[in-house]
Amino acid sequence: MYEKAIADYVQTDRYGIFNDLKFKALSIEKTADITIADTLKLLQTEFEKLLDEQIVSQQRTLDYFNSLLKYNEVNDAWDKEENKQARSRYIIDASTI
């Protein structure tokens, strides 16, 4: 009963064109019923995974721009030093760049 429906779905592309791929299901097993709670748990897990990935990505972006600020601060200090506008000497620690 399900084999024809599955075969038709698998062999039809997104434009509705059927391609005979000689598809045959070797076995179709009955699975446990999926409840709404199961679906919500799955969606919650996927959401949390995506959220974690986005947080990591945003943190990398913030770290990158924070490092640019450090470079700009070093450049500003160097410019002041070269233009004799600095009130005191700057010590630039290259390991922090």
C-alpha atoms as a PDB file:
ATOM      1  CA  MET A   1       0.000   0.000   0.000  1.00  0.00           C
ATOM      2  CA  TYR A   2       2.685   2.516   0.994  1.00  0.00           C
ATOM      3  CA  GLU A   3       5.251   1.261  -1.503  1.00  0.00           C
ATOM      4  CA  LYS A   4       3.581   2.876  -4.539  1.00  0.00           C
ATOM      5  CA  ALA A   5       3.076   6.207  -2.746  1.00  0.00           C
ATOM      6  CA  ILE A   6       6.694   6.267  -1.594  1.00  0.00           C
ATOM      7  CA  ALA A   7       7.980   5.216  -5.036  1.00  0.00           C
ATOM      8  CA  ASP A   8       5.922   7.914  -6.763  1.00  0.00           C
ATOM      9  CA  TYR A   9       7.174  10.563  -4.327  1.00  0.00           C
ATOM     10  CA  VAL A  10      10.827   9.555  -4.692  1.00  0.00           C
ATOM     11  CA  GLN A  11      10.677   9.459  -8.478  1.00  0.00           C
ATOM     12  CA  THR A  12       8.894  12.786  -8.992  1.00  0.00           C
ATOM     13  CA  ASP A  13      11.022  15.935  -9.124  1.00  0.00           C
ATOM     14  CA  ARG A  14      10.050  19.332  -7.775  1.00  0.00           C
ATOM     15  CA  TYR A  15       8.447  20.281 -11.104  1.00  0.00           C
ATOM     16  CA  GLY A  16       6.075  17.317 -10.955  1.00  0.00           C
ATOM     17  CA  ILE A  17       7.894  15.345 -13.636  1.00  0.00           C
ATOM     18  CA  PHE A  18       7.956  11.608 -13.011  1.00  0.00           C
ATOM     19  CA  ASN A  19      11.262   9.812 -13.670  1.00  0.00           C
ATOM     20  CA  ASP A  20      11.112   6.037 -13.739  1.00  0.00           C
ATOM     21  CA  LEU A  21      14.095   5.096 -11.578  1.00  0.00           C
ATOM     22  CA  LYS A  22      12.989   1.485 -11.166  1.00  0.00           C
ATOM     23  CA  PHE A  23      12.553   2.228  -7.473  1.00  0.00           C
ATOM     24  CA  LYS A  24      11.526  -0.688  -5.305  1.00  0.00           C
ATOM     25  CA  ALA A  25      11.229  -0.697  -1.543  1.00  0.00           C
ATOM     26  CA  LEU A  26      12.950  -3.758  -0.144  1.00  0.00           C
ATOM     27  CA  SER A  27      11.040  -3.597   3.100  1.00  0.00           C
ATOM     28  CA  ILE A  28       8.660  -1.271   4.849  1.00  0.00           C
ATOM     29  CA  GLU A  29       8.588  -1.556   8.583  1.00  0.00           C
ATOM     30  CA  LYS A  30       6.012  -0.116  10.898  1.00  0.00           C
ATOM     31  CA  THR A  31       7.432   2.405  13.303  1.00  0.00           C
ATOM     32  CA  ALA A  32       6.058   3.604  16.590  1.00  0.00           C
ATOM     33  CA  ASP A  33       3.497   6.358  16.451  1.00  0.00           C
ATOM     34  CA  ILE A  34       4.997   9.822  16.557  1.00  0.00           C
ATOM     35  CA  THR A  35       3.263  12.078  19.046  1.00  0.00           C
ATOM     36  CA  ILE A  36       3.079  15.837  19.159  1.00  0.00           C
ATOM     37  CA  ALA A  37       5.382  15.717  22.163  1.00  0.00           C
ATOM     38  CA  ASP A  38       7.949  13.795  20.075  1.00  0.00           C
ATOM     39  CA  THR A  39       7.717  16.378  17.323  1.00  0.00           C
ATOM     40  CA  LEU A  40       8.073  19.275  19.771  1.00  0.00           C
ATOM     41  CA  LYS A  41      11.100  17.619  21.372  1.00  0.00           C
ATOM     42  CA  LEU A  42      12.713  17.183  17.955  1.00  0.00           C
ATOM     43  CA  LEU A  43      12.004  20.796  16.986  1.00  0.00           C
ATOM     44  CA  GLN A  44      13.299  22.038  20.354  1.00  0.00           C
ATOM     45  CA  THR A  45      16.539  20.075  19.888  1.00  0.00           C
ATOM     46  CA  GLU A  46      17.036  21.432  16.371  1.00  0.00           C
ATOM     47  CA  PHE A  47      16.274  24.970  17.568  1.00  0.00           C
ATOM     48  CA  GLU A  48      18.793  24.721  20.407  1.00  0.00           C
ATOM     49  CA  LYS A  49      21.457  23.391  18.042  1.00  0.00           C
ATOM     50  CA  LEU A  50      20.884  26.242  15.583  1.00  0.00           C
ATOM     51  CA  LEU A  51      20.835  28.754  18.420  1.00  0.00           C
ATOM     52  CA  ASP A  52      24.173  27.454  19.723  1.00  0.00           C
ATOM     53  CA  GLU A  53      25.673  27.657  16.227  1.00  0.00           C
ATOM     54  CA  GLN A  54      24.432  31.226  15.814  1.00  0.00           C
ATOM     55  CA  ILE A  55      25.800  32.232  19.206  1.00  0.00           C
ATOM     56  CA  VAL A  56      29.226  30.810  18.323  1.00  0.00           C
ATOM     57  CA  SER A  57      29.145  32.599  14.967  1.00  0.00           C
ATOM     58  CA  GLN A  58      28.147  35.910  16.539  1.00  0.00           C
ATOM     59  CA  GLN A  59      30.844  35.530  19.202  1.00  0.00           C
ATOM     60  CA  ARG A  60      33.472  35.015  16.489  1.00  0.00           C
ATOM     61  CA  THR A  61      32.228  38.166  14.765  1.00  0.00           C
ATOM     62  CA  LEU A  62      32.383  40.138  18.019  1.00  0.00           C
ATOM     63  CA  ASP A  63      35.875  38.834  18.765  1.00  0.00           C
ATOM     64  CA  TYR A  64      37.005  39.845  15.293  1.00  0.00           C
ATOM     65  CA  PHE A  65      35.680  43.388  15.631  1.00  0.00           C
ATOM     66  CA  ASN A  66      37.072  43.687  19.148  1.00  0.00           C
ATOM     67  CA  SER A  67      40.493  42.774  17.769  1.00  0.00           C
ATOM     68  CA  LEU A  68      40.078  45.505  15.137  1.00  0.00           C
ATOM     69  CA  LEU A  69      39.436  48.005  17.902  1.00  0.00           C
ATOM     70  CA  LYS A  70      42.710  46.996  19.524  1.00  0.00           C
ATOM     71  CA  TYR A  71      44.510  47.503  16.227  1.00  0.00           C
ATOM     72  CA  ASN A  72      42.909  50.928  15.837  1.00  0.00           C
ATOM     73  CA  GLU A  73      43.937  51.890  19.362  1.00  0.00           C
ATOM     74  CA  VAL A  74      47.506  50.859  18.593  1.00  0.00           C
ATOM     75  CA  ASN A  75      47.432  52.826  15.341  1.00  0.00           C
ATOM     76  CA  ASP A  76      46.089  55.904  17.115  1.00  0.00           C
ATOM     77  CA  ALA A  77      48.777  55.671  19.776  1.00  0.00           C
ATOM     78  CA  TRP A  78      51.465  55.249  17.127  1.00  0.00           C
ATOM     79  CA  ASP A  79      50.163  58.240  15.150  1.00  0.00           C
ATOM     80  CA  LYS A  80      50.172  60.415  18.275  1.00  0.00           C
ATOM     81  CA  GLU A  81      53.712  59.273  19.042  1.00  0.00           C
ATOM     82  CA  GLU A  82      54.931  60.073  15.528  1.00  0.00           C
ATOM     83  CA  ASN A  83      53.186  63.461  15.475  1.00  0.00           C
ATOM     84  CA  LYS A  84      54.639  64.361  18.896  1.00  0.00           C
ATOM     85  CA  GLN A  85      51.109  64.712  20.293  1.00  0.00           C
ATOM     86  CA  ALA A  86      51.526  62.058  22.961  1.00  0.00           C
ATOM     87  CA  ARG A  87      51.780  63.328  26.538  1.00  0.00           C
ATOM     88  CA  SER A  88      53.690  60.206  27.502  1.00  0.00           C
ATOM     89  CA  ARG A  89      55.346  57.337  25.771  1.00  0.00           C
ATOM     90  CA  TYR A  90      53.286  54.324  24.848  1.00  0.00           C
ATOM     91  CA  ILE A  91      54.388  50.776  25.379  1.00  0.00           C
ATOM     92  CA  ILE A  92      52.906  48.596  22.693  1.00  0.00           C
ATOM     93  CA  ASP A  93      52.793  44.918  23.564  1.00  0.00           C
ATOM     94  CA  ALA A  94      52.698  43.036  20.254  1.00  0.00           C
ATOM     95  CA  SER A  95      51.439  39.879  21.953  1.00  0.00           C
ATOM     96  CA  THR A  96      48.095  41.570  22.583  1.00  0.00           C
ATOM     97  CA  ILE A  97      47.593  42.342  18.911  1.00  0.00           C
END
